[in-house]
Amino acid sequence: MNKNSIKNLGLLGGTFDPPHKGHLIISKIVIKKLNLHKLFWSITKQNPLKKNNPFFNEKKRIPLCKKIIKNEKKITLLRADKIKNSDFTINIIKHLKKKMKKDHHLFFIIGADNLINFHKWNNYSKIFSLCTLIVMNRSGYKKKALDSFSAKKYANFRRNLAELIKNKPKKNEWIFINNKPINVSSSKLRISLYK
């Protein structure tokens, strides 16, 4: 990948309910490993695959995210609430792609836990075709993620990080970054609020 001609952009989406240092650690890892020009944090109103409403409303989550990333020059908050049907990741990706230049490439970052049910996401195959999927290791999820429906379906498109950096990214490609698992979750933080 010619780093001088391609600007790599990243998208890290989620409810961020609440945002925590794990989100920031993952962000710094991908910014460094993928040589990202910019990483967008996209706060979604609600996860369509979860029945429970977020603990914090968007008005609370937005300033919490801003506070965590205030010193991070390469991380920008993307107001997904301004994008039509932003509960579905595919619409956020399409929105970004419309604004991107030809010399830009988009990486979509998810945790290993999300890869397990990725085939249930709205237009998941279209997501693969519009950007390069980056799967980050999460404690206790690696095996299930790599045995998942999507991982098997797109097994021939899996690349390693060195290949991805060396060559220009292609459609449907994805990588698994075997980072040291980060044992922090929003749900654990919410539970601690009740103690």
N, C-alpha and C. Protein backbone atom coordinates (compact mmCIF):
# COMPACT_ATOMS: atom_id res chain seq x y z
N MET A 1 0.85 -1.19 0.00
CA MET A 1 0.00 0.00 0.00
C MET A 1 0.89 1.24 0.00
N ASN A 2 0.75 2.07 -0.99
CA ASN A 2 1.54 3.28 -1.06
C ASN A 2 0.98 4.31 -0.10
N LYS A 3 1.68 4.49 0.99
CA LYS A 3 1.16 5.35 2.06
C LYS A 3 1.08 6.81 1.64
N ASN A 4 1.84 7.18 0.60
CA ASN A 4 1.82 8.56 0.17
C ASN A 4 0.62 8.88 -0.71
N SER A 5 0.05 7.86 -1.38
CA SER A 5 -1.04 8.12 -2.30
C SER A 5 -2.42 7.79 -1.73
N ILE A 6 -2.46 6.95 -0.69
CA ILE A 6 -3.75 6.55 -0.13
C ILE A 6 -3.91 7.08 1.29
N LYS A 7 -5.04 7.71 1.54
CA LYS A 7 -5.34 8.14 2.91
C LYS A 7 -6.29 7.11 3.51
N ASN A 8 -5.84 6.51 4.58
CA ASN A 8 -6.65 5.49 5.23
C ASN A 8 -7.54 6.11 6.29
N LEU A 9 -8.83 5.81 6.18
CA LEU A 9 -9.80 6.30 7.15
C LEU A 9 -10.39 5.10 7.88
N GLY A 10 -10.71 5.27 9.14
CA GLY A 10 -11.29 4.20 9.93
C GLY A 10 -12.63 4.60 10.51
N LEU A 11 -13.47 3.60 10.73
CA LEU A 11 -14.78 3.81 11.36
C LEU A 11 -14.94 2.83 12.50
N LEU A 12 -15.14 3.35 13.69
CA LEU A 12 -15.42 2.53 14.86
C LEU A 12 -16.81 2.93 15.35
N GLY A 13 -17.77 2.03 15.16
CA GLY A 13 -19.14 2.35 15.53
C GLY A 13 -19.60 1.58 16.74
N GLY A 14 -20.66 2.07 17.33
CA GLY A 14 -21.23 1.39 18.49
C GLY A 14 -22.09 2.33 19.30
N THR A 15 -22.70 1.78 20.34
CA THR A 15 -23.53 2.64 21.19
C THR A 15 -22.67 3.45 22.17
N PHE A 16 -21.45 2.98 22.45
CA PHE A 16 -20.57 3.67 23.40
C PHE A 16 -21.36 3.98 24.68
N ASP A 17 -21.87 2.94 25.28
CA ASP A 17 -22.82 3.08 26.38
C ASP A 17 -22.32 2.45 27.69
N PRO A 18 -21.39 3.11 28.39
CA PRO A 18 -20.70 4.36 28.07
C PRO A 18 -19.38 4.09 27.35
N PRO A 19 -18.76 5.15 26.79
CA PRO A 19 -17.42 4.99 26.22
C PRO A 19 -16.42 4.74 27.34
N HIS A 20 -15.34 4.02 27.04
CA HIS A 20 -14.35 3.70 28.08
C HIS A 20 -12.95 3.61 27.48
N LYS A 21 -11.98 3.38 28.35
CA LYS A 21 -10.57 3.37 27.90
C LYS A 21 -10.30 2.26 26.90
N GLY A 22 -11.09 1.19 26.92
CA GLY A 22 -10.93 0.12 25.94
C GLY A 22 -11.16 0.62 24.52
N HIS A 23 -12.17 1.47 24.34
CA HIS A 23 -12.44 2.06 23.03
C HIS A 23 -11.23 2.88 22.56
N LEU A 24 -10.64 3.61 23.49
CA LEU A 24 -9.50 4.46 23.16
C LEU A 24 -8.26 3.63 22.84
N ILE A 25 -8.04 2.56 23.61
CA ILE A 25 -6.89 1.68 23.37
C ILE A 25 -6.99 1.04 21.99
N ILE A 26 -8.17 0.50 21.67
CA ILE A 26 -8.39 -0.10 20.35
C ILE A 26 -8.16 0.94 19.25
N SER A 27 -8.65 2.14 19.46
CA SER A 27 -8.49 3.21 18.48
C SER A 27 -7.02 3.50 18.22
N LYS A 28 -6.24 3.60 19.27
CA LYS A 28 -4.81 3.90 19.12
C LYS A 28 -4.07 2.77 18.41
N ILE A 29 -4.49 1.54 18.68
CA ILE A 29 -3.87 0.38 18.02
C ILE A 29 -4.11 0.43 16.51
N VAL A 30 -5.36 0.64 16.11
CA VAL A 30 -5.67 0.64 14.67
C VAL A 30 -5.09 1.85 13.96
N ILE A 31 -5.06 2.99 14.63
CA ILE A 31 -4.47 4.19 14.03
C ILE A 31 -3.00 3.92 13.69
N LYS A 32 -2.30 3.29 14.62
CA LYS A 32 -0.88 3.01 14.42
C LYS A 32 -0.66 1.89 13.39
N LYS A 33 -1.36 0.77 13.55
CA LYS A 33 -1.13 -0.40 12.69
C LYS A 33 -1.57 -0.17 11.24
N LEU A 34 -2.63 0.61 11.05
CA LEU A 34 -3.17 0.83 9.70
C LEU A 34 -2.76 2.19 9.12
N ASN A 35 -1.96 2.92 9.88
CA ASN A 35 -1.52 4.25 9.45
C ASN A 35 -2.73 5.12 9.06
N LEU A 36 -3.70 5.18 9.97
CA LEU A 36 -4.93 5.92 9.69
C LEU A 36 -4.70 7.43 9.69
N HIS A 37 -5.26 8.06 8.69
CA HIS A 37 -5.25 9.51 8.62
C HIS A 37 -6.28 10.09 9.59
N LYS A 38 -7.40 9.38 9.70
CA LYS A 38 -8.50 9.79 10.58
C LYS A 38 -9.32 8.58 10.99
N LEU A 39 -9.76 8.58 12.25
CA LEU A 39 -10.65 7.53 12.75
C LEU A 39 -11.93 8.19 13.25
N PHE A 40 -13.05 7.74 12.72
CA PHE A 40 -14.34 8.27 13.13
C PHE A 40 -14.97 7.37 14.18
N TRP A 41 -15.41 7.99 15.27
CA TRP A 41 -16.23 7.29 16.26
C TRP A 41 -17.67 7.61 15.93
N SER A 42 -18.45 6.58 15.66
CA SER A 42 -19.85 6.79 15.29
C SER A 42 -20.75 6.23 16.39
N ILE A 43 -21.45 7.12 17.08
CA ILE A 43 -22.35 6.71 18.16
C ILE A 43 -23.72 6.39 17.57
N THR A 44 -24.11 5.13 17.69
CA THR A 44 -25.43 4.74 17.19
C THR A 44 -26.47 4.86 18.30
N LYS A 45 -27.67 5.16 17.91
CA LYS A 45 -28.76 5.35 18.86
C LYS A 45 -29.09 4.06 19.59
N GLN A 46 -29.11 2.96 18.83
CA GLN A 46 -29.55 1.67 19.38
C GLN A 46 -28.96 0.55 18.54
N ASN A 47 -28.52 -0.52 19.17
CA ASN A 47 -28.07 -1.71 18.45
C ASN A 47 -29.32 -2.50 18.03
N PRO A 48 -29.56 -2.66 16.71
CA PRO A 48 -30.77 -3.36 16.25
C PRO A 48 -30.87 -4.81 16.71
N LEU A 49 -29.73 -5.42 17.07
CA LEU A 49 -29.73 -6.82 17.50
C LEU A 49 -29.94 -6.98 19.00
N LYS A 50 -30.03 -5.86 19.71
CA LYS A 50 -30.24 -5.91 21.16
C LYS A 50 -31.61 -5.35 21.50
N LYS A 51 -32.30 -6.04 22.40
CA LYS A 51 -33.66 -5.61 22.78
C LYS A 51 -33.64 -4.45 23.77
N ASN A 52 -32.65 -4.44 24.64
CA ASN A 52 -32.61 -3.41 25.67
C ASN A 52 -32.18 -2.06 25.10
N ASN A 53 -32.81 -1.01 25.59
CA ASN A 53 -32.41 0.35 25.23
C ASN A 53 -31.11 0.70 25.92
N PRO A 54 -30.31 1.60 25.31
CA PRO A 54 -29.06 2.02 25.96
C PRO A 54 -29.32 2.59 27.35
N PHE A 55 -28.37 2.38 28.25
CA PHE A 55 -28.47 2.89 29.63
C PHE A 55 -28.44 4.42 29.62
N PHE A 56 -27.48 4.97 28.86
CA PHE A 56 -27.37 6.43 28.72
C PHE A 56 -27.99 6.85 27.39
N ASN A 57 -28.71 7.98 27.40
CA ASN A 57 -29.24 8.47 26.14
C ASN A 57 -28.12 9.14 25.33
N GLU A 58 -28.40 9.45 24.07
CA GLU A 58 -27.38 10.02 23.19
C GLU A 58 -26.82 11.34 23.71
N LYS A 59 -27.69 12.15 24.31
CA LYS A 59 -27.24 13.45 24.83
C LYS A 59 -26.17 13.30 25.89
N LYS A 60 -26.20 12.18 26.61
CA LYS A 60 -25.20 11.91 27.63
C LYS A 60 -23.94 11.28 27.02
N ARG A 61 -24.14 10.37 26.06
CA ARG A 61 -23.01 9.64 25.47
C ARG A 61 -22.12 10.52 24.61
N ILE A 62 -22.70 11.48 23.92
CA ILE A 62 -21.91 12.36 23.04
C ILE A 62 -20.85 13.14 23.82
N PRO A 63 -21.21 13.86 24.90
CA PRO A 63 -20.16 14.57 25.66
C PRO A 63 -19.16 13.63 26.33
N LEU A 64 -19.61 12.42 26.72
CA LEU A 64 -18.68 11.45 27.31
C LEU A 64 -17.61 11.03 26.30
N CYS A 65 -18.05 10.82 25.05
CA CYS A 65 -17.10 10.46 23.99
C CYS A 65 -16.15 11.63 23.70
N LYS A 66 -16.71 12.83 23.63
CA LYS A 66 -15.89 14.01 23.36
C LYS A 66 -14.81 14.19 24.42
N LYS A 67 -15.17 13.89 25.66
CA LYS A 67 -14.22 14.03 26.76
C LYS A 67 -13.06 13.05 26.62
N ILE A 68 -13.36 11.81 26.23
CA ILE A 68 -12.32 10.78 26.10
C ILE A 68 -11.37 11.07 24.94
N ILE A 69 -11.90 11.61 23.84
CA ILE A 69 -11.05 11.81 22.65
C ILE A 69 -10.53 13.24 22.50
N LYS A 70 -10.74 14.08 23.50
CA LYS A 70 -10.41 15.50 23.35
C LYS A 70 -8.94 15.76 23.02
N ASN A 71 -8.03 14.88 23.44
CA ASN A 71 -6.61 15.07 23.17
C ASN A 71 -6.10 14.22 22.00
N GLU A 72 -7.02 13.59 21.29
CA GLU A 72 -6.65 12.70 20.19
C GLU A 72 -6.92 13.40 18.85
N LYS A 73 -5.86 13.85 18.21
CA LYS A 73 -6.00 14.62 16.97
C LYS A 73 -6.57 13.80 15.80
N LYS A 74 -6.34 12.50 15.82
CA LYS A 74 -6.77 11.68 14.69
C LYS A 74 -8.14 11.04 14.88
N ILE A 75 -8.76 11.28 16.03
CA ILE A 75 -10.09 10.71 16.28
C ILE A 75 -11.14 11.82 16.25
N THR A 76 -12.17 11.60 15.45
CA THR A 76 -13.24 12.57 15.29
C THR A 76 -14.58 11.91 15.57
N LEU A 77 -15.44 12.64 16.24
CA LEU A 77 -16.78 12.12 16.52
C LEU A 77 -17.68 12.36 15.30
N LEU A 78 -18.27 11.29 14.82
CA LEU A 78 -19.20 11.37 13.69
C LEU A 78 -20.62 11.33 14.25
N ARG A 79 -21.39 12.37 13.99
CA ARG A 79 -22.75 12.44 14.51
C ARG A 79 -23.67 11.57 13.66
N ALA A 80 -23.77 10.30 14.03
CA ALA A 80 -24.60 9.36 13.28
C ALA A 80 -26.07 9.74 13.33
N ASP A 81 -26.46 10.47 14.39
CA ASP A 81 -27.86 10.87 14.51
C ASP A 81 -28.27 11.84 13.40
N LYS A 82 -27.29 12.37 12.68
CA LYS A 82 -27.57 13.28 11.57
C LYS A 82 -27.67 12.53 10.24
N ILE A 83 -27.43 11.22 10.29
CA ILE A 83 -27.47 10.39 9.09
C ILE A 83 -28.76 9.58 9.07
N LYS A 84 -29.43 9.54 7.94
CA LYS A 84 -30.70 8.83 7.81
C LYS A 84 -30.52 7.32 8.07
N ASN A 85 -31.41 6.76 8.89
CA ASN A 85 -31.38 5.32 9.23
C ASN A 85 -30.03 4.87 9.76
N SER A 86 -29.45 5.67 10.64
CA SER A 86 -28.10 5.40 11.12
C SER A 86 -28.01 4.23 12.11
N ASP A 87 -29.15 3.65 12.48
CA ASP A 87 -29.10 2.45 13.32
C ASP A 87 -28.43 1.30 12.58
N PHE A 88 -28.42 1.37 11.25
CA PHE A 88 -27.78 0.35 10.44
C PHE A 88 -26.43 0.85 9.94
N THR A 89 -25.39 0.11 10.26
CA THR A 89 -24.02 0.48 9.92
C THR A 89 -23.84 0.74 8.43
N ILE A 90 -24.52 -0.03 7.60
CA ILE A 90 -24.37 0.12 6.16
C ILE A 90 -24.67 1.55 5.71
N ASN A 91 -25.64 2.20 6.35
CA ASN A 91 -26.00 3.57 5.97
C ASN A 91 -24.94 4.58 6.39
N ILE A 92 -24.27 4.32 7.50
CA ILE A 92 -23.18 5.20 7.94
C ILE A 92 -22.00 5.05 6.99
N ILE A 93 -21.71 3.81 6.59
CA ILE A 93 -20.61 3.56 5.67
C ILE A 93 -20.88 4.21 4.31
N LYS A 94 -22.10 4.08 3.81
CA LYS A 94 -22.46 4.70 2.53
C LYS A 94 -22.33 6.22 2.61
N HIS A 95 -22.72 6.79 3.74
CA HIS A 95 -22.61 8.24 3.96
C HIS A 95 -21.14 8.68 3.88
N LEU A 96 -20.26 7.93 4.55
CA LEU A 96 -18.84 8.26 4.52
C LEU A 96 -18.25 8.09 3.13
N LYS A 97 -18.62 6.99 2.47
CA LYS A 97 -18.08 6.71 1.14
C LYS A 97 -18.43 7.81 0.13
N LYS A 98 -19.61 8.39 0.26
CA LYS A 98 -20.02 9.47 -0.64
C LYS A 98 -19.14 10.69 -0.48
N LYS A 99 -18.63 10.89 0.74
CA LYS A 99 -17.82 12.08 1.03
C LYS A 99 -16.32 11.84 0.79
N MET A 100 -15.95 10.58 0.63
CA MET A 100 -14.54 10.24 0.47
C MET A 100 -14.04 10.49 -0.96
N LYS A 101 -12.75 10.79 -1.06
CA LYS A 101 -12.11 10.97 -2.36
C LYS A 101 -11.62 9.62 -2.86
N LYS A 102 -11.25 9.56 -4.13
CA LYS A 102 -10.81 8.31 -4.74
C LYS A 102 -9.55 7.75 -4.09
N ASP A 103 -8.72 8.63 -3.55
CA ASP A 103 -7.47 8.16 -2.95
C ASP A 103 -7.64 7.81 -1.46
N HIS A 104 -8.88 7.73 -1.00
CA HIS A 104 -9.17 7.34 0.38
C HIS A 104 -9.62 5.88 0.44
N HIS A 105 -9.29 5.22 1.53
CA HIS A 105 -9.78 3.86 1.73
C HIS A 105 -10.36 3.75 3.14
N LEU A 106 -11.48 3.04 3.25
CA LEU A 106 -12.17 2.94 4.53
C LEU A 106 -11.99 1.57 5.18
N PHE A 107 -11.63 1.60 6.45
CA PHE A 107 -11.54 0.40 7.28
C PHE A 107 -12.65 0.47 8.32
N PHE A 108 -13.40 -0.61 8.45
CA PHE A 108 -14.45 -0.68 9.46
C PHE A 108 -13.98 -1.60 10.58
N ILE A 109 -13.93 -1.07 11.80
CA ILE A 109 -13.36 -1.79 12.94
C ILE A 109 -14.46 -2.33 13.83
N ILE A 110 -14.39 -3.62 14.12
CA ILE A 110 -15.32 -4.25 15.06
C ILE A 110 -14.54 -5.13 16.03
N GLY A 111 -15.17 -5.48 17.13
CA GLY A 111 -14.59 -6.42 18.07
C GLY A 111 -14.90 -7.84 17.64
N ALA A 112 -14.11 -8.80 18.12
CA ALA A 112 -14.31 -10.20 17.77
C ALA A 112 -15.72 -10.67 18.14
N ASP A 113 -16.28 -10.13 19.22
CA ASP A 113 -17.63 -10.51 19.63
C ASP A 113 -18.66 -10.16 18.57
N ASN A 114 -18.43 -9.07 17.83
CA ASN A 114 -19.37 -8.65 16.78
C ASN A 114 -19.28 -9.52 15.53
N LEU A 115 -18.12 -10.12 15.29
CA LEU A 115 -17.99 -10.97 14.10
C LEU A 115 -18.87 -12.21 14.22
N ILE A 116 -19.11 -12.67 15.43
CA ILE A 116 -19.89 -13.89 15.66
C ILE A 116 -21.28 -13.80 15.01
N ASN A 117 -21.93 -12.66 15.16
CA ASN A 117 -23.27 -12.47 14.59
C ASN A 117 -23.30 -11.47 13.43
N PHE A 118 -22.14 -11.27 12.82
CA PHE A 118 -22.04 -10.26 11.76
C PHE A 118 -22.97 -10.57 10.58
N HIS A 119 -23.22 -11.84 10.33
CA HIS A 119 -24.10 -12.23 9.22
C HIS A 119 -25.56 -11.83 9.46
N LYS A 120 -25.88 -11.42 10.69
CA LYS A 120 -27.23 -10.97 11.01
C LYS A 120 -27.40 -9.46 10.82
N TRP A 121 -26.29 -8.77 10.55
CA TRP A 121 -26.34 -7.33 10.36
C TRP A 121 -27.04 -7.02 9.03
N ASN A 122 -27.68 -5.86 8.98
CA ASN A 122 -28.33 -5.41 7.77
C ASN A 122 -27.31 -5.23 6.65
N ASN A 123 -27.50 -5.94 5.53
CA ASN A 123 -26.61 -5.83 4.37
C ASN A 123 -25.14 -6.10 4.72
N TYR A 124 -24.90 -7.12 5.53
CA TYR A 124 -23.52 -7.39 5.97
C TYR A 124 -22.57 -7.66 4.80
N SER A 125 -23.05 -8.33 3.75
CA SER A 125 -22.18 -8.61 2.61
C SER A 125 -21.81 -7.33 1.86
N LYS A 126 -22.71 -6.35 1.87
CA LYS A 126 -22.43 -5.05 1.25
C LYS A 126 -21.36 -4.31 2.04
N ILE A 127 -21.37 -4.47 3.36
CA ILE A 127 -20.35 -3.85 4.20
C ILE A 127 -18.98 -4.38 3.79
N PHE A 128 -18.88 -5.70 3.59
CA PHE A 128 -17.62 -6.31 3.15
C PHE A 128 -17.16 -5.71 1.82
N SER A 129 -18.10 -5.42 0.93
CA SER A 129 -17.73 -4.94 -0.40
C SER A 129 -17.36 -3.46 -0.44
N LEU A 130 -17.73 -2.71 0.58
CA LEU A 130 -17.47 -1.27 0.59
C LEU A 130 -16.23 -0.85 1.38
N CYS A 131 -15.75 -1.73 2.24
CA CYS A 131 -14.60 -1.37 3.05
C CYS A 131 -13.84 -2.63 3.48
N THR A 132 -12.71 -2.43 4.11
CA THR A 132 -11.95 -3.55 4.65
C THR A 132 -12.34 -3.72 6.11
N LEU A 133 -12.73 -4.92 6.47
CA LEU A 133 -13.16 -5.20 7.83
C LEU A 133 -11.95 -5.52 8.70
N ILE A 134 -11.86 -4.84 9.82
CA ILE A 134 -10.79 -5.07 10.79
C ILE A 134 -11.42 -5.62 12.06
N VAL A 135 -11.05 -6.84 12.42
CA VAL A 135 -11.61 -7.49 13.61
C VAL A 135 -10.57 -7.49 14.71
N MET A 136 -10.92 -6.86 15.82
CA MET A 136 -10.01 -6.77 16.97
C MET A 136 -10.31 -7.88 17.97
N ASN A 137 -9.25 -8.50 18.47
CA ASN A 137 -9.40 -9.56 19.46
C ASN A 137 -10.07 -9.02 20.74
N ARG A 138 -10.95 -9.83 21.31
CA ARG A 138 -11.56 -9.50 22.61
C ARG A 138 -11.51 -10.74 23.48
N SER A 139 -11.26 -10.53 24.73
CA SER A 139 -11.09 -11.64 25.67
C SER A 139 -12.28 -12.61 25.63
N GLY A 140 -11.97 -13.89 25.34
CA GLY A 140 -12.99 -14.93 25.35
C GLY A 140 -13.77 -15.10 24.06
N TYR A 141 -13.47 -14.32 23.02
CA TYR A 141 -14.28 -14.37 21.79
C TYR A 141 -13.51 -14.84 20.55
N LYS A 142 -12.21 -14.99 20.62
CA LYS A 142 -11.41 -15.27 19.42
C LYS A 142 -11.87 -16.53 18.70
N LYS A 143 -11.98 -17.64 19.40
CA LYS A 143 -12.33 -18.91 18.76
C LYS A 143 -13.70 -18.86 18.11
N LYS A 144 -14.70 -18.34 18.85
CA LYS A 144 -16.05 -18.24 18.29
C LYS A 144 -16.09 -17.33 17.07
N ALA A 145 -15.32 -16.25 17.12
CA ALA A 145 -15.29 -15.30 16.02
C ALA A 145 -14.71 -15.95 14.76
N LEU A 146 -13.60 -16.66 14.91
CA LEU A 146 -12.94 -17.27 13.76
C LEU A 146 -13.67 -18.51 13.25
N ASP A 147 -14.60 -19.03 14.05
CA ASP A 147 -15.44 -20.16 13.63
C ASP A 147 -16.82 -19.68 13.15
N SER A 148 -17.02 -18.39 13.12
CA SER A 148 -18.34 -17.83 12.79
C SER A 148 -18.69 -18.00 11.32
N PHE A 149 -19.96 -17.79 11.02
CA PHE A 149 -20.47 -17.91 9.65
C PHE A 149 -19.72 -16.97 8.70
N SER A 150 -19.57 -15.71 9.10
CA SER A 150 -18.91 -14.72 8.23
C SER A 150 -17.44 -15.05 8.01
N ALA A 151 -16.78 -15.48 9.08
CA ALA A 151 -15.35 -15.82 8.97
C ALA A 151 -15.14 -16.97 7.99
N LYS A 152 -16.04 -17.94 8.03
CA LYS A 152 -15.93 -19.09 7.12
C LYS A 152 -16.32 -18.71 5.69
N LYS A 153 -17.38 -17.91 5.56
CA LYS A 153 -17.83 -17.50 4.23
C LYS A 153 -16.76 -16.69 3.51
N TYR A 154 -16.07 -15.83 4.26
CA TYR A 154 -15.05 -14.96 3.66
C TYR A 154 -13.63 -15.42 3.99
N ALA A 155 -13.47 -16.71 4.25
CA ALA A 155 -12.16 -17.26 4.61
C ALA A 155 -11.10 -17.00 3.54
N ASN A 156 -11.49 -17.06 2.28
CA ASN A 156 -10.54 -16.84 1.19
C ASN A 156 -10.13 -15.39 1.03
N PHE A 157 -10.84 -14.50 1.71
CA PHE A 157 -10.54 -13.07 1.62
C PHE A 157 -9.79 -12.56 2.86
N ARG A 158 -9.51 -13.47 3.78
CA ARG A 158 -8.79 -13.07 4.99
C ARG A 158 -7.32 -12.84 4.66
N ARG A 159 -6.79 -11.73 5.13
CA ARG A 159 -5.40 -11.38 4.91
C ARG A 159 -4.73 -11.16 6.27
N ASN A 160 -3.42 -11.15 6.26
CA ASN A 160 -2.72 -10.76 7.49
C ASN A 160 -2.35 -9.28 7.37
N LEU A 161 -1.96 -8.70 8.47
CA LEU A 161 -1.70 -7.26 8.51
C LEU A 161 -0.58 -6.86 7.55
N ALA A 162 0.46 -7.68 7.47
CA ALA A 162 1.59 -7.37 6.59
C ALA A 162 1.15 -7.31 5.13
N GLU A 163 0.31 -8.25 4.72
CA GLU A 163 -0.21 -8.27 3.35
C GLU A 163 -1.04 -7.02 3.07
N LEU A 164 -1.84 -6.67 4.05
CA LEU A 164 -2.74 -5.53 3.90
C LEU A 164 -1.96 -4.23 3.73
N ILE A 165 -0.89 -4.09 4.48
CA ILE A 165 -0.09 -2.87 4.43
C ILE A 165 0.72 -2.81 3.14
N LYS A 166 1.19 -3.98 2.71
CA LYS A 166 2.03 -4.04 1.51
C LYS A 166 1.24 -3.79 0.23
N ASN A 167 0.03 -4.32 0.16
CA ASN A 167 -0.78 -4.23 -1.06
C ASN A 167 -1.97 -3.29 -0.88
N LYS A 168 -2.48 -2.83 -2.00
CA LYS A 168 -3.68 -1.99 -1.98
C LYS A 168 -4.88 -2.84 -1.56
N PRO A 169 -5.65 -2.40 -0.56
CA PRO A 169 -6.81 -3.19 -0.10
C PRO A 169 -7.81 -3.44 -1.23
N LYS A 170 -8.42 -4.63 -1.19
CA LYS A 170 -9.40 -5.00 -2.20
C LYS A 170 -10.75 -5.28 -1.55
N LYS A 171 -11.78 -5.40 -2.38
CA LYS A 171 -13.13 -5.67 -1.88
C LYS A 171 -13.16 -6.99 -1.10
N ASN A 172 -13.99 -6.99 -0.08
CA ASN A 172 -14.27 -8.19 0.73
C ASN A 172 -13.13 -8.65 1.63
N GLU A 173 -12.01 -7.95 1.62
CA GLU A 173 -10.90 -8.37 2.47
C GLU A 173 -11.17 -8.05 3.94
N TRP A 174 -10.59 -8.86 4.80
CA TRP A 174 -10.70 -8.61 6.23
C TRP A 174 -9.48 -9.19 6.93
N ILE A 175 -9.19 -8.64 8.09
CA ILE A 175 -8.09 -9.17 8.89
C ILE A 175 -8.51 -9.28 10.36
N PHE A 176 -7.85 -10.17 11.04
CA PHE A 176 -8.05 -10.32 12.49
C PHE A 176 -6.78 -9.83 13.15
N ILE A 177 -6.88 -8.79 13.95
CA ILE A 177 -5.71 -8.28 14.67
C ILE A 177 -5.67 -8.94 16.04
N ASN A 178 -4.62 -9.71 16.23
CA ASN A 178 -4.49 -10.49 17.45
C ASN A 178 -3.85 -9.66 18.56
N ASN A 179 -4.49 -8.54 18.86
CA ASN A 179 -4.00 -7.66 19.92
C ASN A 179 -4.19 -8.32 21.28
N LYS A 180 -3.50 -7.83 22.26
CA LYS A 180 -3.71 -8.32 23.62
C LYS A 180 -5.15 -8.00 24.00
N PRO A 181 -5.93 -9.04 24.36
CA PRO A 181 -7.35 -8.80 24.66
C PRO A 181 -7.56 -7.74 25.74
N ILE A 182 -8.50 -6.85 25.48
CA ILE A 182 -8.82 -5.77 26.42
C ILE A 182 -10.05 -6.19 27.21
N ASN A 183 -9.85 -6.35 28.51
CA ASN A 183 -10.93 -6.88 29.34
C ASN A 183 -11.73 -5.74 30.00
N VAL A 184 -12.24 -4.86 29.15
CA VAL A 184 -13.09 -3.76 29.61
C VAL A 184 -14.31 -3.75 28.72
N SER A 185 -15.47 -3.61 29.32
CA SER A 185 -16.69 -3.55 28.50
C SER A 185 -17.64 -2.52 29.08
N SER A 186 -18.47 -1.97 28.19
CA SER A 186 -19.47 -0.99 28.62
C SER A 186 -20.47 -1.62 29.59
N SER A 187 -20.83 -2.88 29.33
CA SER A 187 -21.82 -3.54 30.20
C SER A 187 -21.30 -3.70 31.62
N LYS A 188 -20.00 -4.03 31.75
CA LYS A 188 -19.41 -4.16 33.09
C LYS A 188 -19.38 -2.81 33.80
N LEU A 189 -19.13 -1.77 33.04
CA LEU A 189 -19.12 -0.43 33.63
C LEU A 189 -20.52 -0.03 34.10
N ARG A 190 -21.53 -0.40 33.32
CA ARG A 190 -22.91 -0.07 33.72
C ARG A 190 -23.29 -0.82 34.99
N ILE A 191 -22.89 -2.09 35.08
CA ILE A 191 -23.18 -2.89 36.28
C ILE A 191 -22.56 -2.25 37.51
N SER A 192 -21.33 -1.73 37.34
CA SER A 192 -20.63 -1.11 38.48
C SER A 192 -21.35 0.13 38.99
N LEU A 193 -22.16 0.75 38.14
CA LEU A 193 -22.90 1.94 38.55
C LEU A 193 -23.96 1.63 39.61
N TYR A 194 -24.39 0.37 39.64
CA TYR A 194 -25.43 -0.03 40.58
C TYR A 194 -24.87 -0.41 41.94
N LYS A 195 -23.54 -0.59 42.04
CA LYS A 195 -22.94 -1.06 43.29
C LYS A 195 -22.74 0.09 44.26
